[in-house]
Amino acid sequence: MIRTGLGEDRTLDPIQTVGFVWFELLMSAAYLGMASALAERVLLARRASAAERAAILVELESAMGGIRGAAAVVDTGRPLGQDDLLRALVVRFSTQDTIDRVVPRCLEALGGMEYVSTDDTAYLAACSAALKFHPPSRRWAAEGMCAAFAGGPLVLG
């Protein structure tokens, strides 16, 4: 565990910024993967309409595109800053919202028998919802994100 310290402007130092960017992107991708495993089951079961299956997949692919876009910046080798952290937080909260919308639709599309007869369906649904429990919470980050969107520094907490 690393305690976050704030610089003179109350922002995270460069090392903590990099760590936070990585953490947010890795957590987002991991939990999105769990939701995507449910969506794969929906796609293969073909119980839901093609329109519903496609809608689920479009939402998940869009979230993954956001994660890939934010992660591409990490691969450039340039120092990561507040803009990159803000983007990672946007992607994380957007992914969290996508999971919250898509997982119930996947469960409905799979049907009650799939839910009660296989442990992994309920397990994936429960686990994918846990992204919201990782730091920072939306409430904790909200004020700083609003300030950053208005052109100020990204101060978390």
N, C-alpha and C. Protein backbone atom coordinates (compact mmCIF):
# COMPACT_ATOMS: atom_id res chain seq x y z
N MET A 1 0.84 -1.16 0.00
CA MET A 1 0.00 0.00 0.00
C MET A 1 0.89 1.23 0.00
N ILE A 2 0.54 2.18 -0.82
CA ILE A 2 1.29 3.43 -0.90
C ILE A 2 0.35 4.56 -0.52
N ARG A 3 0.78 5.36 0.41
CA ARG A 3 -0.03 6.52 0.78
C ARG A 3 0.14 7.58 -0.29
N THR A 4 -0.97 8.16 -0.67
CA THR A 4 -0.90 9.22 -1.67
C THR A 4 -0.58 10.53 -0.97
N GLY A 5 0.45 11.19 -1.46
CA GLY A 5 0.81 12.50 -0.96
C GLY A 5 0.49 13.53 -2.02
N LEU A 6 0.24 14.72 -1.60
CA LEU A 6 -0.12 15.77 -2.53
C LEU A 6 1.03 16.75 -2.68
N GLY A 7 1.20 17.25 -3.89
CA GLY A 7 2.20 18.28 -4.14
C GLY A 7 1.70 19.63 -3.63
N GLU A 8 2.48 20.66 -3.91
CA GLU A 8 2.11 22.00 -3.45
C GLU A 8 0.76 22.45 -4.00
N ASP A 9 0.45 22.01 -5.21
CA ASP A 9 -0.84 22.38 -5.81
C ASP A 9 -1.96 21.39 -5.45
N ARG A 10 -1.68 20.50 -4.51
CA ARG A 10 -2.61 19.48 -4.00
C ARG A 10 -2.91 18.39 -5.02
N THR A 11 -2.08 18.25 -6.06
CA THR A 11 -2.25 17.18 -7.04
C THR A 11 -1.30 16.04 -6.68
N LEU A 12 -1.56 14.87 -7.25
CA LEU A 12 -0.69 13.72 -7.02
C LEU A 12 0.66 13.94 -7.68
N ASP A 13 1.70 13.36 -7.09
CA ASP A 13 3.02 13.47 -7.71
C ASP A 13 3.07 12.56 -8.95
N PRO A 14 4.10 12.72 -9.81
CA PRO A 14 4.15 11.96 -11.07
C PRO A 14 4.13 10.45 -10.90
N ILE A 15 4.79 9.92 -9.90
CA ILE A 15 4.82 8.46 -9.70
C ILE A 15 3.44 7.96 -9.31
N GLN A 16 2.78 8.67 -8.42
CA GLN A 16 1.44 8.26 -8.01
C GLN A 16 0.44 8.43 -9.15
N THR A 17 0.65 9.44 -9.98
CA THR A 17 -0.23 9.63 -11.13
C THR A 17 -0.13 8.43 -12.07
N VAL A 18 1.08 8.00 -12.38
CA VAL A 18 1.28 6.84 -13.25
C VAL A 18 0.63 5.60 -12.64
N GLY A 19 0.85 5.39 -11.35
CA GLY A 19 0.27 4.24 -10.69
C GLY A 19 -1.24 4.25 -10.72
N PHE A 20 -1.81 5.42 -10.51
CA PHE A 20 -3.27 5.55 -10.53
C PHE A 20 -3.82 5.29 -11.93
N VAL A 21 -3.15 5.82 -12.96
CA VAL A 21 -3.59 5.59 -14.34
C VAL A 21 -3.59 4.09 -14.63
N TRP A 22 -2.48 3.43 -14.32
CA TRP A 22 -2.38 1.98 -14.55
C TRP A 22 -3.47 1.24 -13.80
N PHE A 23 -3.64 1.56 -12.53
CA PHE A 23 -4.62 0.87 -11.70
C PHE A 23 -6.02 1.01 -12.29
N GLU A 24 -6.40 2.22 -12.64
CA GLU A 24 -7.75 2.44 -13.16
C GLU A 24 -7.98 1.67 -14.46
N LEU A 25 -6.99 1.68 -15.34
CA LEU A 25 -7.16 0.99 -16.62
C LEU A 25 -7.17 -0.53 -16.45
N LEU A 26 -6.29 -1.05 -15.61
CA LEU A 26 -6.25 -2.50 -15.40
C LEU A 26 -7.53 -2.99 -14.72
N MET A 27 -8.01 -2.27 -13.73
CA MET A 27 -9.24 -2.67 -13.06
C MET A 27 -10.42 -2.59 -14.01
N SER A 28 -10.47 -1.53 -14.79
CA SER A 28 -11.57 -1.38 -15.75
C SER A 28 -11.58 -2.54 -16.75
N ALA A 29 -10.41 -2.88 -17.27
CA ALA A 29 -10.32 -3.96 -18.26
C ALA A 29 -10.68 -5.31 -17.64
N ALA A 30 -10.22 -5.55 -16.42
CA ALA A 30 -10.50 -6.83 -15.77
C ALA A 30 -11.99 -7.03 -15.54
N TYR A 31 -12.66 -6.03 -15.00
CA TYR A 31 -14.08 -6.16 -14.72
C TYR A 31 -14.91 -6.15 -16.00
N LEU A 32 -14.46 -5.40 -16.99
CA LEU A 32 -15.15 -5.43 -18.28
C LEU A 32 -15.02 -6.82 -18.90
N GLY A 33 -13.90 -7.47 -18.70
CA GLY A 33 -13.72 -8.83 -19.19
C GLY A 33 -14.72 -9.81 -18.60
N MET A 34 -15.03 -9.63 -17.32
CA MET A 34 -16.03 -10.49 -16.68
C MET A 34 -17.41 -10.27 -17.30
N ALA A 35 -17.76 -9.02 -17.51
CA ALA A 35 -19.04 -8.71 -18.15
C ALA A 35 -19.05 -9.24 -19.58
N SER A 36 -17.93 -9.16 -20.25
CA SER A 36 -17.84 -9.66 -21.63
C SER A 36 -17.99 -11.18 -21.69
N ALA A 37 -17.54 -11.87 -20.65
CA ALA A 37 -17.74 -13.33 -20.61
C ALA A 37 -19.23 -13.67 -20.55
N LEU A 38 -19.99 -12.87 -19.83
CA LEU A 38 -21.45 -13.06 -19.81
C LEU A 38 -22.04 -12.77 -21.19
N ALA A 39 -21.56 -11.71 -21.81
CA ALA A 39 -22.07 -11.34 -23.13
C ALA A 39 -21.76 -12.43 -24.16
N GLU A 40 -20.61 -13.06 -24.02
CA GLU A 40 -20.27 -14.16 -24.93
C GLU A 40 -21.28 -15.29 -24.80
N ARG A 41 -21.69 -15.57 -23.58
CA ARG A 41 -22.70 -16.60 -23.35
C ARG A 41 -24.04 -16.21 -24.02
N VAL A 42 -24.37 -14.92 -23.91
CA VAL A 42 -25.60 -14.43 -24.55
C VAL A 42 -25.50 -14.59 -26.07
N LEU A 43 -24.36 -14.24 -26.61
CA LEU A 43 -24.17 -14.34 -28.06
C LEU A 43 -24.30 -15.79 -28.53
N LEU A 44 -23.69 -16.70 -27.81
CA LEU A 44 -23.71 -18.11 -28.22
C LEU A 44 -25.07 -18.77 -27.97
N ALA A 45 -25.77 -18.36 -26.92
CA ALA A 45 -27.07 -18.97 -26.60
C ALA A 45 -28.14 -18.59 -27.62
N ARG A 46 -28.02 -17.41 -28.20
CA ARG A 46 -28.94 -16.95 -29.23
C ARG A 46 -30.40 -16.95 -28.78
N ARG A 47 -30.61 -16.76 -27.48
CA ARG A 47 -31.99 -16.71 -26.96
C ARG A 47 -32.55 -15.30 -27.12
N ALA A 48 -31.72 -14.31 -26.98
CA ALA A 48 -32.15 -12.92 -27.14
C ALA A 48 -32.17 -12.57 -28.63
N SER A 49 -32.90 -11.54 -28.96
CA SER A 49 -32.96 -11.11 -30.36
C SER A 49 -31.57 -10.64 -30.81
N ALA A 50 -31.38 -10.66 -32.11
CA ALA A 50 -30.12 -10.17 -32.66
C ALA A 50 -29.90 -8.71 -32.28
N ALA A 51 -30.97 -7.94 -32.26
CA ALA A 51 -30.84 -6.52 -31.90
C ALA A 51 -30.35 -6.36 -30.46
N GLU A 52 -30.88 -7.16 -29.54
CA GLU A 52 -30.46 -7.09 -28.14
C GLU A 52 -29.02 -7.57 -27.97
N ARG A 53 -28.68 -8.66 -28.64
CA ARG A 53 -27.30 -9.16 -28.55
C ARG A 53 -26.33 -8.13 -29.10
N ALA A 54 -26.66 -7.53 -30.22
CA ALA A 54 -25.78 -6.52 -30.81
C ALA A 54 -25.67 -5.30 -29.90
N ALA A 55 -26.77 -4.88 -29.29
CA ALA A 55 -26.75 -3.71 -28.41
C ALA A 55 -25.82 -3.96 -27.22
N ILE A 56 -25.88 -5.15 -26.65
CA ILE A 56 -25.00 -5.51 -25.54
C ILE A 56 -23.54 -5.46 -25.99
N LEU A 57 -23.27 -6.05 -27.13
CA LEU A 57 -21.89 -6.10 -27.64
C LEU A 57 -21.36 -4.72 -28.01
N VAL A 58 -22.21 -3.88 -28.57
CA VAL A 58 -21.79 -2.52 -28.92
C VAL A 58 -21.38 -1.76 -27.67
N GLU A 59 -22.16 -1.88 -26.60
CA GLU A 59 -21.80 -1.18 -25.36
C GLU A 59 -20.47 -1.67 -24.81
N LEU A 60 -20.27 -2.98 -24.81
CA LEU A 60 -19.02 -3.53 -24.27
C LEU A 60 -17.83 -3.15 -25.14
N GLU A 61 -17.99 -3.22 -26.44
CA GLU A 61 -16.89 -2.86 -27.35
C GLU A 61 -16.55 -1.38 -27.24
N SER A 62 -17.56 -0.55 -27.04
CA SER A 62 -17.31 0.88 -26.86
C SER A 62 -16.48 1.13 -25.60
N ALA A 63 -16.84 0.47 -24.52
CA ALA A 63 -16.08 0.61 -23.28
C ALA A 63 -14.64 0.13 -23.47
N MET A 64 -14.48 -0.99 -24.17
CA MET A 64 -13.13 -1.50 -24.39
C MET A 64 -12.34 -0.54 -25.28
N GLY A 65 -12.99 0.09 -26.23
CA GLY A 65 -12.31 1.09 -27.05
C GLY A 65 -11.80 2.25 -26.23
N GLY A 66 -12.60 2.67 -25.25
CA GLY A 66 -12.16 3.74 -24.36
C GLY A 66 -10.94 3.33 -23.55
N ILE A 67 -10.95 2.10 -23.05
CA ILE A 67 -9.81 1.61 -22.29
C ILE A 67 -8.57 1.53 -23.17
N ARG A 68 -8.74 0.99 -24.37
CA ARG A 68 -7.59 0.90 -25.30
C ARG A 68 -7.03 2.28 -25.65
N GLY A 69 -7.92 3.22 -25.86
CA GLY A 69 -7.48 4.58 -26.19
C GLY A 69 -6.69 5.21 -25.06
N ALA A 70 -7.18 5.05 -23.84
CA ALA A 70 -6.48 5.60 -22.69
C ALA A 70 -5.17 4.87 -22.45
N ALA A 71 -5.15 3.57 -22.71
CA ALA A 71 -3.92 2.78 -22.51
C ALA A 71 -2.88 3.09 -23.58
N ALA A 72 -3.30 3.49 -24.76
CA ALA A 72 -2.35 3.79 -25.83
C ALA A 72 -1.41 4.91 -25.43
N VAL A 73 -1.90 5.83 -24.63
CA VAL A 73 -1.07 6.95 -24.16
C VAL A 73 0.07 6.42 -23.29
N VAL A 74 -0.21 5.40 -22.51
CA VAL A 74 0.82 4.82 -21.65
C VAL A 74 1.96 4.27 -22.49
N ASP A 75 1.64 3.70 -23.63
CA ASP A 75 2.65 3.10 -24.51
C ASP A 75 3.52 4.11 -25.24
N THR A 76 3.16 5.38 -25.21
CA THR A 76 3.97 6.37 -25.93
C THR A 76 5.30 6.63 -25.25
N GLY A 77 5.37 6.34 -23.96
CA GLY A 77 6.61 6.58 -23.23
C GLY A 77 6.74 7.99 -22.68
N ARG A 78 5.81 8.86 -23.01
CA ARG A 78 5.90 10.21 -22.48
C ARG A 78 5.40 10.22 -21.04
N PRO A 79 5.84 11.17 -20.26
CA PRO A 79 5.37 11.24 -18.87
C PRO A 79 3.85 11.44 -18.83
N LEU A 80 3.21 10.74 -17.92
CA LEU A 80 1.77 10.85 -17.76
C LEU A 80 1.46 11.98 -16.79
N GLY A 81 0.41 12.72 -17.10
CA GLY A 81 0.05 13.86 -16.27
C GLY A 81 -1.41 13.82 -15.85
N GLN A 82 -1.86 14.95 -15.38
CA GLN A 82 -3.23 15.06 -14.88
C GLN A 82 -4.28 14.79 -15.96
N ASP A 83 -4.01 15.23 -17.18
CA ASP A 83 -4.97 14.97 -18.26
C ASP A 83 -5.14 13.47 -18.48
N ASP A 84 -4.04 12.74 -18.38
CA ASP A 84 -4.09 11.29 -18.56
C ASP A 84 -4.84 10.62 -17.41
N LEU A 85 -4.62 11.11 -16.21
CA LEU A 85 -5.35 10.57 -15.06
C LEU A 85 -6.84 10.88 -15.17
N LEU A 86 -7.17 12.08 -15.59
CA LEU A 86 -8.57 12.43 -15.78
C LEU A 86 -9.21 11.52 -16.81
N ARG A 87 -8.51 11.27 -17.91
CA ARG A 87 -9.04 10.38 -18.95
C ARG A 87 -9.22 8.97 -18.40
N ALA A 88 -8.27 8.48 -17.61
CA ALA A 88 -8.39 7.15 -17.02
C ALA A 88 -9.60 7.07 -16.09
N LEU A 89 -9.84 8.13 -15.33
CA LEU A 89 -10.99 8.14 -14.45
C LEU A 89 -12.29 8.18 -15.23
N VAL A 90 -12.32 8.95 -16.30
CA VAL A 90 -13.51 9.00 -17.16
C VAL A 90 -13.79 7.61 -17.73
N VAL A 91 -12.75 6.96 -18.22
CA VAL A 91 -12.90 5.62 -18.79
C VAL A 91 -13.37 4.64 -17.72
N ARG A 92 -12.79 4.74 -16.54
CA ARG A 92 -13.17 3.83 -15.45
C ARG A 92 -14.64 3.99 -15.09
N PHE A 93 -15.10 5.23 -14.87
CA PHE A 93 -16.49 5.44 -14.47
C PHE A 93 -17.45 5.11 -15.60
N SER A 94 -17.05 5.38 -16.82
CA SER A 94 -17.86 5.01 -17.98
C SER A 94 -17.97 3.49 -18.10
N THR A 95 -16.86 2.80 -17.89
CA THR A 95 -16.87 1.34 -17.92
C THR A 95 -17.75 0.79 -16.81
N GLN A 96 -17.65 1.38 -15.64
CA GLN A 96 -18.47 0.97 -14.50
C GLN A 96 -19.95 1.11 -14.84
N ASP A 97 -20.32 2.22 -15.47
CA ASP A 97 -21.71 2.43 -15.87
C ASP A 97 -22.14 1.42 -16.94
N THR A 98 -21.25 1.14 -17.87
CA THR A 98 -21.55 0.15 -18.91
C THR A 98 -21.82 -1.22 -18.28
N ILE A 99 -20.97 -1.62 -17.36
CA ILE A 99 -21.17 -2.91 -16.68
C ILE A 99 -22.51 -2.93 -15.96
N ASP A 100 -22.83 -1.84 -15.27
CA ASP A 100 -24.09 -1.77 -14.53
C ASP A 100 -25.31 -1.87 -15.45
N ARG A 101 -25.18 -1.40 -16.68
CA ARG A 101 -26.29 -1.49 -17.64
C ARG A 101 -26.35 -2.86 -18.31
N VAL A 102 -25.19 -3.40 -18.67
CA VAL A 102 -25.13 -4.58 -19.53
C VAL A 102 -25.34 -5.89 -18.77
N VAL A 103 -24.77 -6.02 -17.59
CA VAL A 103 -24.86 -7.29 -16.87
C VAL A 103 -26.31 -7.72 -16.60
N PRO A 104 -27.18 -6.83 -16.11
CA PRO A 104 -28.58 -7.28 -15.93
C PRO A 104 -29.24 -7.69 -17.25
N ARG A 105 -28.89 -7.03 -18.33
CA ARG A 105 -29.45 -7.40 -19.63
C ARG A 105 -28.95 -8.77 -20.05
N CYS A 106 -27.68 -9.05 -19.77
CA CYS A 106 -27.14 -10.38 -20.08
C CYS A 106 -27.86 -11.46 -19.27
N LEU A 107 -28.05 -11.20 -17.99
CA LEU A 107 -28.73 -12.18 -17.15
C LEU A 107 -30.15 -12.43 -17.64
N GLU A 108 -30.84 -11.37 -17.99
CA GLU A 108 -32.20 -11.51 -18.51
C GLU A 108 -32.20 -12.30 -19.81
N ALA A 109 -31.24 -12.00 -20.67
CA ALA A 109 -31.17 -12.69 -21.96
C ALA A 109 -30.84 -14.17 -21.80
N LEU A 110 -30.04 -14.49 -20.81
CA LEU A 110 -29.69 -15.89 -20.57
C LEU A 110 -30.83 -16.67 -19.93
N GLY A 111 -31.65 -15.99 -19.16
CA GLY A 111 -32.80 -16.63 -18.54
C GLY A 111 -32.51 -17.17 -17.15
N GLY A 112 -33.57 -17.40 -16.43
CA GLY A 112 -33.47 -17.83 -15.04
C GLY A 112 -32.83 -19.19 -14.86
N MET A 113 -33.09 -20.11 -15.76
CA MET A 113 -32.50 -21.45 -15.62
C MET A 113 -30.98 -21.41 -15.74
N GLU A 114 -30.47 -20.59 -16.63
CA GLU A 114 -29.01 -20.44 -16.77
C GLU A 114 -28.44 -19.86 -15.47
N TYR A 115 -29.16 -18.93 -14.89
CA TYR A 115 -28.69 -18.27 -13.67
C TYR A 115 -28.65 -19.26 -12.50
N VAL A 116 -29.67 -20.06 -12.34
CA VAL A 116 -29.72 -20.97 -11.19
C VAL A 116 -29.01 -22.29 -11.43
N SER A 117 -28.79 -22.66 -12.67
CA SER A 117 -28.20 -23.98 -12.93
C SER A 117 -26.68 -23.96 -13.11
N THR A 118 -26.09 -22.78 -13.32
CA THR A 118 -24.63 -22.71 -13.47
C THR A 118 -24.07 -21.68 -12.50
N ASP A 119 -23.09 -22.09 -11.75
CA ASP A 119 -22.48 -21.19 -10.77
C ASP A 119 -21.74 -20.03 -11.42
N ASP A 120 -21.14 -20.27 -12.56
CA ASP A 120 -20.29 -19.21 -13.14
C ASP A 120 -21.08 -18.02 -13.64
N THR A 121 -22.32 -18.18 -14.03
CA THR A 121 -23.12 -17.05 -14.49
C THR A 121 -23.35 -16.06 -13.35
N ALA A 122 -23.81 -16.55 -12.22
CA ALA A 122 -24.03 -15.68 -11.05
C ALA A 122 -22.71 -15.11 -10.55
N TYR A 123 -21.67 -15.93 -10.59
CA TYR A 123 -20.35 -15.50 -10.12
C TYR A 123 -19.81 -14.35 -10.98
N LEU A 124 -19.88 -14.48 -12.29
CA LEU A 124 -19.42 -13.42 -13.18
C LEU A 124 -20.24 -12.14 -12.99
N ALA A 125 -21.53 -12.29 -12.81
CA ALA A 125 -22.38 -11.11 -12.59
C ALA A 125 -22.00 -10.41 -11.30
N ALA A 126 -21.82 -11.17 -10.24
CA ALA A 126 -21.47 -10.57 -8.95
C ALA A 126 -20.09 -9.94 -8.99
N CYS A 127 -19.13 -10.64 -9.56
CA CYS A 127 -17.76 -10.12 -9.60
C CYS A 127 -17.64 -8.88 -10.47
N SER A 128 -18.32 -8.87 -11.59
CA SER A 128 -18.18 -7.71 -12.49
C SER A 128 -18.71 -6.44 -11.85
N ALA A 129 -19.62 -6.58 -10.90
CA ALA A 129 -20.18 -5.40 -10.23
C ALA A 129 -19.21 -4.77 -9.23
N ALA A 130 -18.12 -5.45 -8.92
CA ALA A 130 -17.21 -4.98 -7.87
C ALA A 130 -16.30 -3.82 -8.30
N LEU A 131 -16.30 -3.44 -9.56
CA LEU A 131 -15.47 -2.31 -9.97
C LEU A 131 -15.82 -1.07 -9.15
N LYS A 132 -17.07 -0.91 -8.81
CA LYS A 132 -17.49 0.29 -8.08
C LYS A 132 -16.91 0.37 -6.67
N PHE A 133 -16.33 -0.72 -6.19
CA PHE A 133 -15.76 -0.72 -4.85
C PHE A 133 -14.27 -0.39 -4.82
N HIS A 134 -13.66 -0.22 -5.98
CA HIS A 134 -12.25 0.15 -6.05
C HIS A 134 -12.10 1.66 -5.98
N PRO A 135 -11.00 2.11 -5.40
CA PRO A 135 -10.79 3.56 -5.33
C PRO A 135 -10.44 4.14 -6.70
N PRO A 136 -10.74 5.38 -6.89
CA PRO A 136 -11.49 6.25 -6.01
C PRO A 136 -12.98 6.06 -6.24
N SER A 137 -13.75 6.35 -5.23
CA SER A 137 -15.20 6.31 -5.42
C SER A 137 -15.60 7.50 -6.29
N ARG A 138 -16.72 7.36 -6.93
CA ARG A 138 -17.23 8.44 -7.79
C ARG A 138 -17.42 9.71 -6.96
N ARG A 139 -17.98 9.56 -5.77
CA ARG A 139 -18.22 10.72 -4.91
C ARG A 139 -16.91 11.39 -4.50
N TRP A 140 -15.88 10.59 -4.21
CA TRP A 140 -14.60 11.14 -3.78
C TRP A 140 -13.90 11.88 -4.92
N ALA A 141 -14.06 11.39 -6.15
CA ALA A 141 -13.38 11.96 -7.31
C ALA A 141 -14.16 13.08 -7.98
N ALA A 142 -15.44 13.19 -7.72
CA ALA A 142 -16.32 14.06 -8.49
C ALA A 142 -15.90 15.53 -8.48
N GLU A 143 -15.65 16.08 -7.32
CA GLU A 143 -15.31 17.51 -7.24
C GLU A 143 -14.03 17.82 -8.01
N GLY A 144 -13.02 16.97 -7.84
CA GLY A 144 -11.76 17.17 -8.56
C GLY A 144 -11.92 17.03 -10.07
N MET A 145 -12.74 16.08 -10.49
CA MET A 145 -12.97 15.90 -11.92
C MET A 145 -13.69 17.12 -12.50
N CYS A 146 -14.68 17.62 -11.78
CA CYS A 146 -15.38 18.81 -12.26
C CYS A 146 -14.43 19.98 -12.37
N ALA A 147 -13.56 20.16 -11.38
CA ALA A 147 -12.59 21.24 -11.43
C ALA A 147 -11.64 21.07 -12.61
N ALA A 148 -11.20 19.84 -12.86
CA ALA A 148 -10.30 19.58 -13.99
C ALA A 148 -10.99 19.83 -15.32
N PHE A 149 -12.24 19.45 -15.44
CA PHE A 149 -12.99 19.72 -16.68
C PHE A 149 -13.16 21.22 -16.90
N ALA A 150 -13.15 21.98 -15.82
CA ALA A 150 -13.29 23.45 -15.92
C ALA A 150 -11.94 24.12 -16.12
N GLY A 151 -10.88 23.33 -16.28
CA GLY A 151 -9.54 23.90 -16.55
C GLY A 151 -8.63 24.01 -15.34
N GLY A 152 -9.10 23.58 -14.18
CA GLY A 152 -8.26 23.64 -12.97
C GLY A 152 -7.48 22.36 -12.77
N PRO A 153 -6.79 22.26 -11.65
CA PRO A 153 -6.04 21.05 -11.36
C PRO A 153 -6.97 19.91 -10.93
N LEU A 154 -6.54 18.70 -11.16
CA LEU A 154 -7.28 17.51 -10.75
C LEU A 154 -6.84 17.17 -9.32
N VAL A 155 -7.63 17.60 -8.38
CA VAL A 155 -7.34 17.34 -6.96
C VAL A 155 -8.34 16.29 -6.50
N LEU A 156 -7.82 15.14 -6.10
CA LEU A 156 -8.69 14.06 -5.67
C LEU A 156 -8.82 14.09 -4.14
N GLY A 157 -10.05 14.01 -3.68
CA GLY A 157 -10.28 13.93 -2.24
C GLY A 157 -10.79 15.19 -1.63
